[in-house]
Amino acid sequence: MTTTAATNSSSHHLSPAFPGRAPWGTANKLRAWQEGAMERYLQEQPRDFLAVATPGAGKTTFALTLASWLLHHHVVQQVTVVAPTEHLKKQWAEAAARIGIKLDPEYSAGPLSKEYQGVAVTYAGVGVRPMLHRNRSEQRKTLVILDEIHHAGDSKSWGEACLEAFEPATRRLALTGTPFRSDTNPIPFVQYEEGNDGIRRSSADYTYGYGSALGDGVVRPVIFLSYSGNMRWRTKAGDEIAARLGEPMTKDAVSQAWRTALDPRGEWMPSVLRAADARLTEVRKGIPDAGALVIASDQESARAYAKLIREITGSKATLVLSDDTGASKRIDDFAASEDRWMVAVRMVSEGVDVPRLAVGVYATTISTPLFFAQAVGRFVRSRRRGETASVFLPTVPDLLGFANEMEVERDHVLDKPKKEGEEDPYAESEKEMDEANKEQDEDTGEQEQFSFEALESEAVFDRVLYDGAEFGMQAHPGSEEEQDYLGIPGLLEPDQVQLLLQKRQARQIAHSRKKPDSDADLLELPAERRPVVSHKEMMELRKQLNTLVGAYVHQSGKPHGVLHTELRRVCGGPPSAEATAGQLRQRIEKVKEWATRMK
């Protein structure tokens, strides 16, 4: 069957308004990728089908069009949608109703009313009563749509419940925008293929990545604006540490500097929120209803950020604290309004579908690629050609790495070999993602992970990341140099964004050269010449220092501990485990100097 035939036969009974949230030029037809996925499915008619499509590409539209075709041709008699959150299952029911498929989002047990053609439930709900859903799948031919299927691997019980509940289903359609996981829990109904290296990886039946979607105008290009600045905090031991966000330091120190930046009592967050609000004002010149979202770590911070936004803008921000009925209504009300700001706790990564969101502030310390991709996915839904998204970030190596890899497509890996001492950014506590998507925003105790007290923070505009490249020189908040980047038009083609950023950087460099050296209080180097050093490079510096100290032990006859204490006394700073890259390099040079003198 051809794509056209498939589309015609599946769309003659669809609502003329469907898909209601399609971007420019696609209101009355499927997008090319959706047609391609439909064609692949209808040619093969598989029992299981995994579609991987970047957030914002229209997975819901594809799935419901396919469901409509399968119902219309009596391949199936009912539909079960499994979603990660309460809010999303309601969104599925609303979207299905627009094309004439009635799903009950409140179903819990017993016979289904005859007015419905299926149900929308959560993975947690299936986990509680798998046999209920198995019986329903056995009684009538069922299509199961597993939205964000990677959640079925969140816990052994959820995965086993999905296998038990939907093993008898006639057809199973798995959807995800982020198929990779940090752990090796197998995802139900996903096929894994062994590579030449002996490692099994998930195999998608149809893939539509961010790069392809960007080229097709289906998603917005994302401009990442990164902010650095000096942080000062007190450790549990009572030591005061001062460091610049983004400079090389230990993993613990990065976490503490990051959390110091996000502390609403400092100056970093107010400065970044002012910059984000200025960016929103510029974006709204081209997208009048554009909205902004702060993704916070916890309820207390979210409330504080909302208060800051009110002080900065004079307008109240919509505050979403938990995934309950009230929160769903606040999200829906915000989506339908033209209000500027919403603040939500981190669980919002997959719980918000507000296509007008165009500006984001990443104000959480979660550093998993899965959460980051889903958080950024809240801002990339394109409604018309030329819209851009802007996301504000702290200058943290992991985040900048994720931002630079937006177009990388990943698969879920099983049997991943774990080398001793291996630094793997994707092995970073999958618990973070589980906690992030909890329905309640209870205090998870994360604050106790690194006991410290934030003392002081300031913000410095650091760089812009776009399409894998970095632009800009450091600038003070409120300066003309910062405004050069905040004032980029909100309606631009992807290639125009690149060209404009290059021009802005060239102008900034020219302006810098005219200033007297005495005025250069910030690092006057373009971003590409200021690499953000990773934790792995920090480990190498500490290893180099320890090796040199070990060698000097034999020359001097002094113990390791004595030498490290002497280095701290001479060079200043905390113990090596907490020292910055600059402090480690200074100590390395000092040991070399001592060794040379002894010769």
Protein backbone atom coordinates (compact mmCIF):
# COMPACT_ATOMS: atom_id res chain seq x y z
CA MET A 1 0.00 0.00 0.00
CA THR A 2 1.42 3.42 -0.89
CA THR A 3 1.83 6.26 1.58
CA THR A 4 -0.84 8.29 -0.21
CA ALA A 5 -3.32 5.46 -0.09
CA ALA A 6 -2.56 4.82 3.55
CA THR A 7 -2.95 8.47 4.39
CA ASN A 8 -6.20 8.82 2.42
CA SER A 9 -7.74 5.70 3.93
CA SER A 10 -6.79 6.75 7.44
CA SER A 11 -7.66 10.43 7.19
CA HIS A 12 -11.09 10.54 5.52
CA HIS A 13 -12.78 10.32 8.91
CA LEU A 14 -10.37 12.60 10.80
CA SER A 15 -11.38 16.00 12.15
CA PRO A 16 -10.50 18.81 9.66
CA ALA A 17 -8.67 20.50 12.54
CA PHE A 18 -6.39 17.51 13.12
CA PRO A 19 -3.52 17.78 13.90
CA GLY A 20 -4.50 20.87 15.85
CA ARG A 21 -0.94 21.80 16.80
CA ALA A 22 0.83 21.12 13.52
CA PRO A 23 3.53 23.60 12.46
CA TRP A 24 3.42 25.72 9.32
CA GLY A 25 2.04 24.09 6.20
CA THR A 26 0.97 20.75 7.69
CA ALA A 27 -2.50 21.41 9.10
CA ASN A 28 -4.28 19.19 6.56
CA LYS A 29 -1.72 16.47 5.97
CA LEU A 30 0.80 14.32 7.74
CA ARG A 31 4.39 15.43 7.89
CA ALA A 32 6.84 13.59 5.66
CA TRP A 33 8.30 11.53 8.53
CA GLN A 34 4.82 10.57 9.74
CA GLU A 35 3.88 9.44 6.22
CA GLY A 36 7.16 7.53 6.00
CA ALA A 37 6.54 5.79 9.31
CA MET A 38 2.95 4.98 8.27
CA GLU A 39 4.20 3.52 4.99
CA ARG A 40 6.81 1.40 6.80
CA TYR A 41 4.19 0.12 9.23
CA LEU A 42 1.51 -0.65 6.64
CA GLN A 43 3.99 -2.44 4.39
CA GLU A 44 5.22 -4.72 7.16
CA GLN A 45 2.13 -4.92 9.43
CA PRO A 46 4.31 -5.88 12.43
CA ARG A 47 2.98 -6.87 15.81
CA ASP A 48 5.62 -4.65 17.49
CA PHE A 49 6.84 -1.32 16.11
CA LEU A 50 9.26 1.14 17.75
CA ALA A 51 9.16 4.72 16.47
CA VAL A 52 11.88 7.06 17.73
CA ALA A 53 11.12 10.70 17.00
CA THR A 54 12.64 13.79 18.57
CA PRO A 55 10.48 15.64 21.13
CA GLY A 56 8.14 18.04 19.36
CA ALA A 57 8.11 16.11 16.05
CA GLY A 58 4.53 14.83 16.40
CA LYS A 59 4.63 11.29 17.80
CA THR A 60 1.05 11.64 19.09
CA THR A 61 -0.27 12.58 15.63
CA PHE A 62 1.48 9.60 14.02
CA ALA A 63 0.26 7.16 16.69
CA LEU A 64 -3.36 8.31 16.58
CA THR A 65 -3.45 8.32 12.78
CA LEU A 66 -2.21 4.74 12.85
CA ALA A 67 -4.71 3.84 15.59
CA SER A 68 -7.50 5.34 13.50
CA TRP A 69 -6.43 3.25 10.46
CA LEU A 70 -6.23 0.02 12.51
CA LEU A 71 -9.66 0.63 14.06
CA HIS A 72 -11.20 1.59 10.72
CA HIS A 73 -9.88 -1.58 9.06
CA HIS A 74 -10.94 -3.77 12.02
CA VAL A 75 -7.38 -4.90 12.67
CA VAL A 76 -8.03 -3.95 16.31
CA GLN A 77 -11.20 -3.26 18.29
CA GLN A 78 -9.86 -1.09 21.10
CA VAL A 79 -6.89 1.09 22.06
CA THR A 80 -4.89 1.28 25.30
CA VAL A 81 -2.51 4.22 25.71
CA VAL A 82 0.13 3.97 28.45
CA ALA A 83 1.76 7.32 29.38
CA PRO A 84 4.35 8.34 31.99
CA THR A 85 2.20 10.84 33.93
CA GLU A 86 -1.40 11.65 34.84
CA HIS A 87 -1.18 14.90 32.89
CA LEU A 88 0.03 13.16 29.73
CA LYS A 89 -2.67 10.47 29.77
CA LYS A 90 -5.26 13.27 29.82
CA GLN A 91 -3.50 14.98 26.90
CA TRP A 92 -3.66 11.71 24.97
CA ALA A 93 -7.40 11.38 25.63
CA GLU A 94 -7.98 14.97 24.47
CA ALA A 95 -5.90 14.49 21.30
CA ALA A 96 -7.67 11.20 20.51
CA ALA A 97 -11.09 12.84 20.98
CA ARG A 98 -10.19 15.41 18.30
CA ILE A 99 -10.05 12.64 15.70
CA GLY A 100 -13.05 10.73 16.95
CA ILE A 101 -11.35 8.14 19.17
CA LYS A 102 -12.81 8.27 22.68
CA LEU A 103 -10.40 7.13 25.41
CA ASP A 104 -11.30 7.05 29.10
CA PRO A 105 -8.45 8.73 31.07
CA GLU A 106 -10.12 7.98 34.41
CA TYR A 107 -10.45 4.21 33.92
CA SER A 108 -9.44 2.15 36.98
CA ALA A 109 -11.30 -1.20 36.85
CA GLY A 110 -14.37 -3.07 35.62
CA PRO A 111 -16.19 -3.01 32.27
CA LEU A 112 -15.54 -0.02 30.04
CA SER A 113 -18.50 2.15 29.06
CA LYS A 114 -19.63 1.47 25.47
CA GLU A 115 -19.09 5.13 24.53
CA TYR A 116 -15.31 4.59 24.76
CA GLN A 117 -13.00 2.84 22.30
CA GLY A 118 -10.25 2.40 24.83
CA VAL A 119 -8.43 3.76 27.87
CA ALA A 120 -5.47 6.00 28.74
CA VAL A 121 -3.48 4.86 31.78
CA THR A 122 -0.07 5.41 33.38
CA TYR A 123 2.85 2.98 33.70
CA ALA A 124 2.36 3.18 37.46
CA GLY A 125 -1.30 2.20 37.01
CA VAL A 126 -0.35 -0.81 34.91
CA GLY A 127 2.24 -1.72 37.55
CA VAL A 128 -0.48 -1.86 40.21
CA ARG A 129 -2.97 -4.01 38.22
CA PRO A 130 -1.26 -5.82 35.32
CA MET A 131 -3.83 -8.68 35.22
CA LEU A 132 -6.69 -6.21 34.73
CA HIS A 133 -5.07 -4.96 31.53
CA ARG A 134 -4.07 -8.46 30.43
CA ASN A 135 -7.71 -9.56 30.68
CA ARG A 136 -8.80 -6.55 28.61
CA SER A 137 -6.14 -7.33 25.97
CA GLU A 138 -7.29 -10.96 25.80
CA GLN A 139 -11.00 -10.18 25.54
CA ARG A 140 -10.79 -7.86 22.51
CA LYS A 141 -8.21 -7.24 19.80
CA THR A 142 -6.13 -4.42 21.29
CA LEU A 143 -3.63 -1.85 20.05
CA VAL A 144 -1.35 -0.78 22.89
CA ILE A 145 0.45 2.55 22.46
CA LEU A 146 3.39 2.75 24.88
CA ASP A 147 4.30 6.45 25.07
CA GLU A 148 7.91 7.21 26.10
CA ILE A 149 8.54 3.46 26.28
CA HIS A 150 11.87 3.93 28.07
CA HIS A 151 9.82 4.46 31.27
CA ALA A 152 8.88 0.78 31.17
CA GLY A 153 12.50 0.14 32.12
CA ASP A 154 12.41 2.52 35.08
CA SER A 155 11.88 -0.35 37.49
CA LYS A 156 11.81 -4.09 37.24
CA SER A 157 8.19 -4.14 38.42
CA TRP A 158 7.03 -1.72 35.69
CA GLY A 159 8.79 -3.66 32.97
CA GLU A 160 7.44 -6.99 34.19
CA ALA A 161 3.94 -5.52 34.58
CA CYS A 162 3.97 -4.23 30.97
CA LEU A 163 5.13 -7.63 29.71
CA GLU A 164 2.43 -9.42 31.67
CA ALA A 165 -0.34 -6.97 30.81
CA PHE A 166 0.27 -6.56 27.08
CA GLU A 167 1.80 -9.85 25.98
CA PRO A 168 -1.61 -10.89 24.49
CA ALA A 169 -2.13 -7.55 22.65
CA THR A 170 -2.80 -7.79 18.91
CA ARG A 171 -0.55 -4.82 18.08
CA ARG A 172 1.96 -2.83 20.14
CA LEU A 173 3.28 0.59 19.13
CA ALA A 174 6.21 1.90 21.21
CA LEU A 175 7.10 5.59 21.05
CA THR A 176 10.02 7.56 22.44
CA GLY A 177 11.99 10.70 21.81
CA THR A 178 14.88 9.54 24.01
CA PRO A 179 15.44 5.77 23.65
CA PHE A 180 18.67 5.68 25.60
CA ARG A 181 18.93 4.86 29.30
CA SER A 182 21.85 4.98 31.72
CA ASP A 183 21.14 1.50 33.04
CA THR A 184 20.93 -1.84 31.25
CA ASN A 185 17.33 -2.70 32.15
CA PRO A 186 15.77 -4.17 28.98
CA ILE A 187 12.76 -2.24 27.70
CA PRO A 188 9.71 -4.45 27.04
CA PHE A 189 8.69 -5.14 23.42
CA VAL A 190 11.87 -3.46 22.10
CA GLN A 191 14.10 -5.48 19.78
CA TYR A 192 17.83 -5.56 20.55
CA GLU A 193 20.46 -6.42 17.95
CA GLU A 194 24.01 -7.49 18.72
CA GLY A 195 26.75 -5.43 17.09
CA ASN A 196 30.21 -6.49 15.98
CA ASP A 197 31.48 -5.56 19.45
CA GLY A 198 29.13 -8.12 21.06
CA ILE A 199 27.00 -5.39 22.67
CA ARG A 200 23.23 -5.43 22.17
CA ARG A 201 21.56 -2.15 21.20
CA SER A 202 17.93 -1.20 20.74
CA SER A 203 16.75 -1.32 17.15
CA ALA A 204 14.10 1.18 16.06
CA ASP A 205 11.73 0.45 13.16
CA TYR A 206 11.60 4.14 12.27
CA THR A 207 13.85 6.98 13.49
CA TYR A 208 13.37 10.72 13.04
CA GLY A 209 16.11 12.64 14.85
CA TYR A 210 16.42 16.27 15.89
CA GLY A 211 18.80 17.06 13.02
CA SER A 212 16.34 15.78 10.41
CA ALA A 213 13.41 17.51 12.13
CA LEU A 214 15.35 20.79 12.21
CA GLY A 215 16.12 20.53 8.50
CA ASP A 216 12.43 19.93 7.78
CA GLY A 217 11.30 22.90 9.87
CA VAL A 218 9.36 20.60 12.20
CA VAL A 219 11.28 21.71 15.31
CA ARG A 220 12.87 24.99 16.28
CA PRO A 221 16.61 25.57 16.34
CA VAL A 222 17.83 25.93 19.94
CA ILE A 223 20.16 28.72 21.02
CA PHE A 224 21.82 27.89 24.35
CA LEU A 225 22.98 30.90 26.39
CA SER A 226 25.49 29.89 29.05
CA TYR A 227 26.33 31.92 32.17
CA SER A 228 29.44 31.61 34.32
CA GLY A 229 30.45 33.73 37.34
CA ASN A 230 32.25 33.61 40.69
CA MET A 231 30.78 31.41 43.43
CA ARG A 232 31.65 31.24 47.11
CA TRP A 233 30.43 28.58 49.56
CA ARG A 234 31.29 26.96 52.88
CA THR A 235 31.85 23.21 53.09
CA LYS A 236 30.66 20.91 55.85
CA ALA A 237 34.21 21.06 57.26
CA GLY A 238 33.90 24.85 57.57
CA ASP A 239 36.29 25.70 54.70
CA GLU A 240 35.31 28.59 52.46
CA ILE A 241 35.74 27.79 48.78
CA ALA A 242 35.72 30.31 45.95
CA ALA A 243 35.58 29.15 42.34
CA ARG A 244 34.41 30.30 38.95
CA LEU A 245 31.54 28.33 37.48
CA GLY A 246 32.84 26.47 34.44
CA GLU A 247 36.47 26.32 35.45
CA PRO A 248 37.97 22.86 36.02
CA MET A 249 37.30 21.47 39.49
CA THR A 250 36.38 18.25 41.24
CA LYS A 251 33.00 16.65 40.75
CA ASP A 252 31.91 17.60 44.28
CA ALA A 253 33.10 21.18 43.78
CA VAL A 254 31.23 21.41 40.46
CA SER A 255 28.05 20.30 42.25
CA GLN A 256 28.56 22.82 45.03
CA ALA A 257 29.38 25.69 42.66
CA TRP A 258 26.36 24.76 40.52
CA ARG A 259 24.02 24.71 43.52
CA THR A 260 25.49 28.00 44.73
CA ALA A 261 24.61 29.54 41.37
CA LEU A 262 21.02 28.26 41.59
CA ASP A 263 20.54 29.57 45.14
CA PRO A 264 17.82 32.26 44.80
CA ARG A 265 19.45 34.35 47.54
CA GLY A 266 22.55 35.02 45.44
CA GLU A 267 22.95 37.30 42.42
CA TRP A 268 23.37 34.60 39.74
CA MET A 269 19.71 33.56 39.43
CA PRO A 270 18.27 37.12 39.44
CA SER A 271 20.78 38.14 36.74
CA VAL A 272 19.97 35.12 34.56
CA LEU A 273 16.21 35.57 35.03
CA ARG A 274 16.52 39.24 34.01
CA ALA A 275 18.47 38.17 30.91
CA ALA A 276 15.92 35.45 30.08
CA ASP A 277 13.07 37.95 30.47
CA ALA A 278 14.86 40.38 28.15
CA ARG A 279 15.28 37.54 25.66
CA LEU A 280 11.57 36.70 25.98
CA THR A 281 10.66 40.32 25.21
CA GLU A 282 12.73 40.15 22.02
CA VAL A 283 11.27 36.77 21.02
CA ARG A 284 7.72 38.05 21.54
CA LYS A 285 8.29 40.69 18.84
CA GLY A 286 8.14 37.81 16.35
CA ILE A 287 6.13 35.30 18.43
CA PRO A 288 3.60 37.46 20.35
CA ASP A 289 2.36 34.67 22.64
CA ALA A 290 5.82 33.18 23.40
CA GLY A 291 6.17 31.90 26.96
CA ALA A 292 9.08 31.07 29.25
CA LEU A 293 9.64 28.22 31.71
CA VAL A 294 12.01 27.81 34.65
CA ILE A 295 12.70 24.17 35.52
CA ALA A 296 13.53 24.16 39.24
CA SER A 297 15.00 21.45 41.50
CA ASP A 298 12.48 21.60 44.34
CA GLN A 299 9.38 23.35 45.64
CA GLU A 300 11.24 25.85 47.82
CA SER A 301 13.43 27.02 44.94
CA ALA A 302 10.44 27.14 42.57
CA ARG A 303 8.54 29.44 44.93
CA ALA A 304 11.62 31.66 45.34
CA TYR A 305 12.13 31.88 41.56
CA ALA A 306 8.47 32.80 41.07
CA LYS A 307 8.91 35.60 43.61
CA LEU A 308 12.04 36.84 41.78
CA ILE A 309 10.19 36.85 38.46
CA ARG A 310 7.42 38.94 40.01
CA GLU A 311 9.99 41.44 41.32
CA ILE A 312 11.81 41.57 37.97
CA THR A 313 8.81 41.72 35.63
CA GLY A 314 5.99 43.07 37.79
CA SER A 315 3.85 40.12 36.66
CA LYS A 316 2.95 36.91 38.44
CA ALA A 317 4.42 33.61 37.22
CA THR A 318 2.34 30.43 36.99
CA LEU A 319 3.66 28.04 39.63
CA VAL A 320 3.39 24.27 39.02
CA LEU A 321 4.50 22.22 42.01
CA SER A 322 3.14 18.71 41.47
CA ASP A 323 1.53 16.48 38.90
CA ASP A 324 -1.96 16.62 40.42
CA THR A 325 -5.30 17.74 39.00
CA GLY A 326 -4.69 21.35 40.02
CA ALA A 327 -1.27 21.35 38.35
CA SER A 328 -2.74 19.99 35.10
CA LYS A 329 -5.28 22.80 35.03
CA ARG A 330 -2.60 25.43 35.69
CA ILE A 331 -0.53 24.01 32.83
CA ASP A 332 -3.55 24.02 30.51
CA ASP A 333 -4.54 27.56 31.55
CA PHE A 334 -0.98 28.78 30.93
CA ALA A 335 -0.91 27.04 27.54
CA ALA A 336 -4.14 28.80 26.50
CA SER A 337 -3.06 32.22 27.81
CA GLU A 338 -0.47 34.76 26.71
CA ASP A 339 1.18 34.94 30.16
CA ARG A 340 4.94 35.29 30.11
CA TRP A 341 6.33 32.96 32.78
CA MET A 342 5.80 29.54 34.30
CA VAL A 343 7.95 27.96 37.05
CA ALA A 344 7.78 24.20 37.55
CA VAL A 345 9.64 21.56 39.52
CA ARG A 346 11.82 19.20 37.50
CA MET A 347 9.10 16.55 36.95
CA VAL A 348 7.82 18.87 34.22
CA SER A 349 10.32 17.44 31.69
CA GLU A 350 7.71 15.14 30.18
CA GLY A 351 4.61 16.60 31.84
CA VAL A 352 4.20 19.78 29.81
CA ASP A 353 3.01 20.20 26.25
CA VAL A 354 2.90 23.97 25.76
CA PRO A 355 3.93 24.69 22.15
CA ARG A 356 4.26 28.42 22.81
CA LEU A 357 7.17 27.87 25.24
CA ALA A 358 10.18 29.43 23.52
CA VAL A 359 12.51 30.48 26.37
CA GLY A 360 13.78 28.19 29.13
CA VAL A 361 15.96 28.45 32.22
CA TYR A 362 17.60 25.17 33.27
CA ALA A 363 17.68 25.74 37.04
CA THR A 364 18.09 22.16 38.26
CA THR A 365 21.18 20.14 39.12
CA ILE A 366 20.08 17.02 37.22
CA SER A 367 22.84 16.09 34.80
CA THR A 368 21.57 13.04 32.91
CA PRO A 369 21.40 13.27 29.11
CA LEU A 370 17.90 11.76 29.22
CA PHE A 371 16.48 14.49 31.47
CA PHE A 372 18.32 17.23 29.59
CA ALA A 373 16.98 16.07 26.21
CA GLN A 374 13.42 15.90 27.52
CA ALA A 375 13.70 19.27 29.27
CA VAL A 376 14.95 20.96 26.09
CA GLY A 377 12.18 19.13 24.22
CA ARG A 378 9.66 21.41 25.97
CA PHE A 379 10.90 24.36 23.88
CA VAL A 380 11.44 22.95 20.39
CA ARG A 381 7.85 22.47 19.16
CA SER A 382 7.59 24.53 16.00
CA ARG A 383 4.28 26.11 14.98
CA ARG A 384 5.48 28.19 12.05
CA ARG A 385 8.64 28.57 10.10
CA GLY A 386 11.48 30.58 11.58
CA GLU A 387 10.67 30.26 15.28
CA THR A 388 13.72 29.83 17.53
CA ALA A 389 14.06 28.49 21.08
CA SER A 390 16.43 29.90 23.71
CA VAL A 391 17.60 27.94 26.76
CA PHE A 392 19.68 29.52 29.54
CA LEU A 393 22.24 27.26 31.26
CA PRO A 394 24.92 27.44 33.93
CA THR A 395 28.41 26.87 32.49
CA VAL A 396 28.72 23.26 33.63
CA PRO A 397 30.77 20.85 31.46
CA ASP A 398 28.14 18.08 31.30
CA LEU A 399 25.36 20.48 30.27
CA LEU A 400 27.47 22.16 27.61
CA GLY A 401 28.38 18.72 26.30
CA PHE A 402 24.70 17.75 26.02
CA ALA A 403 23.91 21.07 24.34
CA ASN A 404 26.64 20.50 21.76
CA GLU A 405 25.32 16.98 21.04
CA MET A 406 21.68 17.91 20.39
CA GLU A 407 21.73 16.15 17.02
CA VAL A 408 23.36 12.92 18.23
CA GLU A 409 21.03 9.94 17.97
CA ARG A 410 21.53 7.27 20.63
CA ASP A 411 20.27 3.77 21.16
CA HIS A 412 19.60 1.93 24.40
CA VAL A 413 22.56 -0.31 25.15
CA LEU A 414 22.47 -3.65 26.97
CA ASP A 415 25.54 -5.52 28.25
CA LYS A 416 27.55 -2.32 28.41
CA PRO A 417 31.03 -3.25 29.67
CA LYS A 418 31.97 -1.36 32.82
CA LYS A 419 35.68 -0.66 32.94
CA GLU A 420 37.21 -0.03 36.30
CA GLY A 421 37.45 3.70 36.95
CA GLU A 422 35.71 4.52 33.68
CA GLU A 423 34.16 7.96 33.57
CA ASP A 424 30.80 7.59 31.82
CA PRO A 425 28.47 10.62 31.70
CA TYR A 426 25.54 8.35 30.87
CA ALA A 427 26.07 6.24 33.99
CA GLU A 428 25.14 9.24 36.14
CA SER A 429 22.53 7.95 38.59
CA GLU A 430 19.40 6.92 36.71
CA LYS A 431 17.71 7.55 40.06
CA GLU A 432 17.81 11.25 39.17
CA MET A 433 15.46 10.61 36.28
CA ASP A 434 13.15 8.47 38.40
CA GLU A 435 12.98 11.20 41.03
CA ALA A 436 12.47 13.86 38.37
CA ASN A 437 9.30 12.27 37.10
CA LYS A 438 7.68 11.51 40.45
CA GLU A 439 4.14 12.72 40.77
CA GLN A 440 4.82 14.45 44.07
CA ASP A 441 7.59 16.97 44.54
CA GLU A 442 8.59 15.80 47.98
CA ASP A 443 12.02 16.66 49.31
CA THR A 444 14.14 13.83 47.93
CA GLY A 445 17.04 14.53 50.27
CA GLU A 446 19.22 15.55 47.34
CA GLN A 447 20.24 18.62 49.30
CA GLU A 448 22.11 16.39 51.75
CA GLN A 449 24.26 14.84 49.02
CA PHE A 450 26.93 17.51 49.39
CA SER A 451 26.48 19.41 52.64
CA PHE A 452 27.50 23.02 52.14
CA GLU A 453 26.30 26.59 52.58
CA ALA A 454 26.00 28.94 49.61
CA LEU A 455 27.53 32.31 50.51
CA GLU A 456 27.76 34.41 47.37
CA SER A 457 27.24 34.22 43.61
CA GLU A 458 27.48 36.49 40.61
CA ALA A 459 26.64 35.94 36.95
CA VAL A 460 28.75 36.56 33.87
CA PHE A 461 27.50 35.99 30.33
CA ASP A 462 29.84 33.27 29.08
CA ARG A 463 28.96 31.96 25.62
CA VAL A 464 26.28 30.95 23.11
CA LEU A 465 26.10 27.37 21.86
CA TYR A 466 24.37 26.64 18.58
CA ASP A 467 24.57 23.69 16.20
CA GLY A 468 27.70 22.30 17.87
CA ALA A 469 29.61 25.61 17.70
CA GLU A 470 30.36 28.17 20.43
CA PHE A 471 30.25 31.95 20.12
CA GLY A 472 30.81 35.04 22.22
CA MET A 473 33.17 36.56 24.74
CA GLN A 474 32.44 37.03 28.41
CA ALA A 475 30.32 40.05 29.32
CA HIS A 476 28.70 41.58 32.38
CA PRO A 477 24.92 41.26 32.80
CA GLY A 478 23.19 44.32 31.40
CA SER A 479 26.10 45.23 29.12
CA GLU A 480 25.82 46.03 25.41
CA GLU A 481 27.84 42.88 24.67
CA GLU A 482 25.29 40.69 26.46
CA GLN A 483 22.41 42.52 24.76
CA ASP A 484 23.98 41.69 21.38
CA TYR A 485 23.04 38.04 21.99
CA LEU A 486 19.82 38.56 23.94
CA GLY A 487 18.57 40.76 21.10
CA ILE A 488 18.84 38.11 18.36
CA PRO A 489 15.45 38.10 16.55
CA GLY A 490 13.02 35.35 17.56
CA LEU A 491 12.13 34.56 13.95
CA LEU A 492 15.12 33.27 11.97
CA GLU A 493 16.00 30.39 9.68
CA PRO A 494 18.65 28.01 11.13
CA ASP A 495 21.38 29.23 8.74
CA GLN A 496 20.50 32.85 9.60
CA VAL A 497 21.04 32.08 13.31
CA GLN A 498 24.57 30.81 12.57
CA LEU A 499 25.43 33.83 10.40
CA LEU A 500 24.10 36.31 12.93
CA LEU A 501 26.02 34.71 15.80
CA GLN A 502 29.24 34.88 13.78
CA LYS A 503 28.63 38.58 13.08
CA ARG A 504 27.87 39.33 16.74
CA GLN A 505 31.06 37.62 17.88
CA ALA A 506 33.16 39.47 15.28
CA ARG A 507 31.68 42.77 16.50
CA GLN A 508 32.40 41.84 20.12
CA ILE A 509 36.02 40.95 19.31
CA ALA A 510 36.51 44.23 17.41
CA HIS A 511 35.05 46.18 20.33
CA SER A 512 37.32 44.35 22.78
CA ARG A 513 40.45 45.23 20.80
CA LYS A 514 39.66 48.94 21.08
CA LYS A 515 39.42 48.85 24.88
CA PRO A 516 42.50 49.63 27.03
CA ASP A 517 43.99 46.57 28.74
CA SER A 518 43.10 48.10 32.10
CA ASP A 519 39.38 47.80 31.24
CA ALA A 520 39.59 44.08 30.49
CA ASP A 521 38.29 42.74 33.79
CA LEU A 522 36.84 39.62 32.11
CA LEU A 523 38.51 36.93 30.06
CA GLU A 524 38.82 38.56 26.63
CA LEU A 525 38.88 35.41 24.50
CA PRO A 526 36.24 33.98 22.10
CA ALA A 527 34.32 30.98 23.43
CA GLU A 528 35.99 28.46 21.12
CA ARG A 529 39.34 29.40 22.68
CA ARG A 530 37.99 28.96 26.24
CA PRO A 531 37.30 25.22 26.46
CA VAL A 532 35.29 24.09 29.48
CA VAL A 533 37.41 21.45 31.18
CA SER A 534 35.70 18.21 32.14
CA HIS A 535 35.91 16.17 35.33
CA LYS A 536 38.01 13.64 33.42
CA GLU A 537 40.64 16.31 32.69
CA MET A 538 40.55 17.28 36.38
CA MET A 539 41.32 13.67 37.29
CA GLU A 540 44.33 13.80 34.96
CA LEU A 541 45.64 16.93 36.70
CA ARG A 542 45.27 15.35 40.15
CA LYS A 543 46.95 12.18 38.85
CA GLN A 544 49.83 14.25 37.45
CA LEU A 545 50.25 16.08 40.76
CA ASN A 546 50.22 12.85 42.77
CA THR A 547 52.75 11.26 40.39
CA LEU A 548 55.11 14.24 40.76
CA VAL A 549 54.70 14.30 44.55
CA GLY A 550 55.38 10.55 44.61
CA ALA A 551 58.59 11.05 42.63
CA TYR A 552 59.66 13.93 44.88
CA VAL A 553 59.10 11.75 47.96
CA HIS A 554 62.14 9.68 46.93
CA GLN A 555 64.25 12.81 46.39
CA SER A 556 63.28 14.63 49.57
CA GLY A 557 62.60 11.75 51.92
CA LYS A 558 59.45 13.50 53.15
CA PRO A 559 56.10 11.64 53.30
CA HIS A 560 53.31 12.33 50.79
CA GLY A 561 51.08 13.99 53.37
CA VAL A 562 53.78 16.41 54.47
CA LEU A 563 54.48 17.45 50.88
CA HIS A 564 50.79 18.02 50.08
CA THR A 565 50.43 20.13 53.25
CA GLU A 566 53.50 22.16 52.28
CA LEU A 567 52.07 22.72 48.79
CA ARG A 568 48.82 24.00 50.30
CA ARG A 569 50.76 26.33 52.61
CA VAL A 570 52.91 27.74 49.80
CA CYS A 571 50.29 27.88 47.02
CA GLY A 572 47.13 28.33 49.07
CA GLY A 573 43.78 26.68 48.50
CA PRO A 574 41.97 23.57 49.76
CA PRO A 575 43.12 19.91 49.67
CA SER A 576 43.79 18.45 46.21
CA ALA A 577 40.39 16.73 46.08
CA GLU A 578 38.69 20.16 46.24
CA ALA A 579 41.29 22.28 44.40
CA THR A 580 40.53 23.99 41.11
CA ALA A 581 42.47 23.29 37.91
CA GLY A 582 44.41 26.52 38.32
CA GLN A 583 45.42 25.58 41.88
CA LEU A 584 46.46 22.08 40.78
CA ARG A 585 48.56 23.47 37.93
CA GLN A 586 50.22 25.90 40.34
CA ARG A 587 51.12 23.02 42.68
CA ILE A 588 52.40 20.93 39.77
CA GLU A 589 54.74 23.77 38.77
CA LYS A 590 55.87 24.21 42.39
CA VAL A 591 56.78 20.50 42.74
CA LYS A 592 58.71 20.71 39.46
CA GLU A 593 60.54 23.77 40.81
CA TRP A 594 61.44 21.93 44.04
CA ALA A 595 62.68 18.90 42.10
CA THR A 596 64.84 21.09 39.83
CA ARG A 597 66.43 22.82 42.84
CA MET A 598 67.39 19.50 44.43
CA LYS A 599 69.21 18.47 41.27
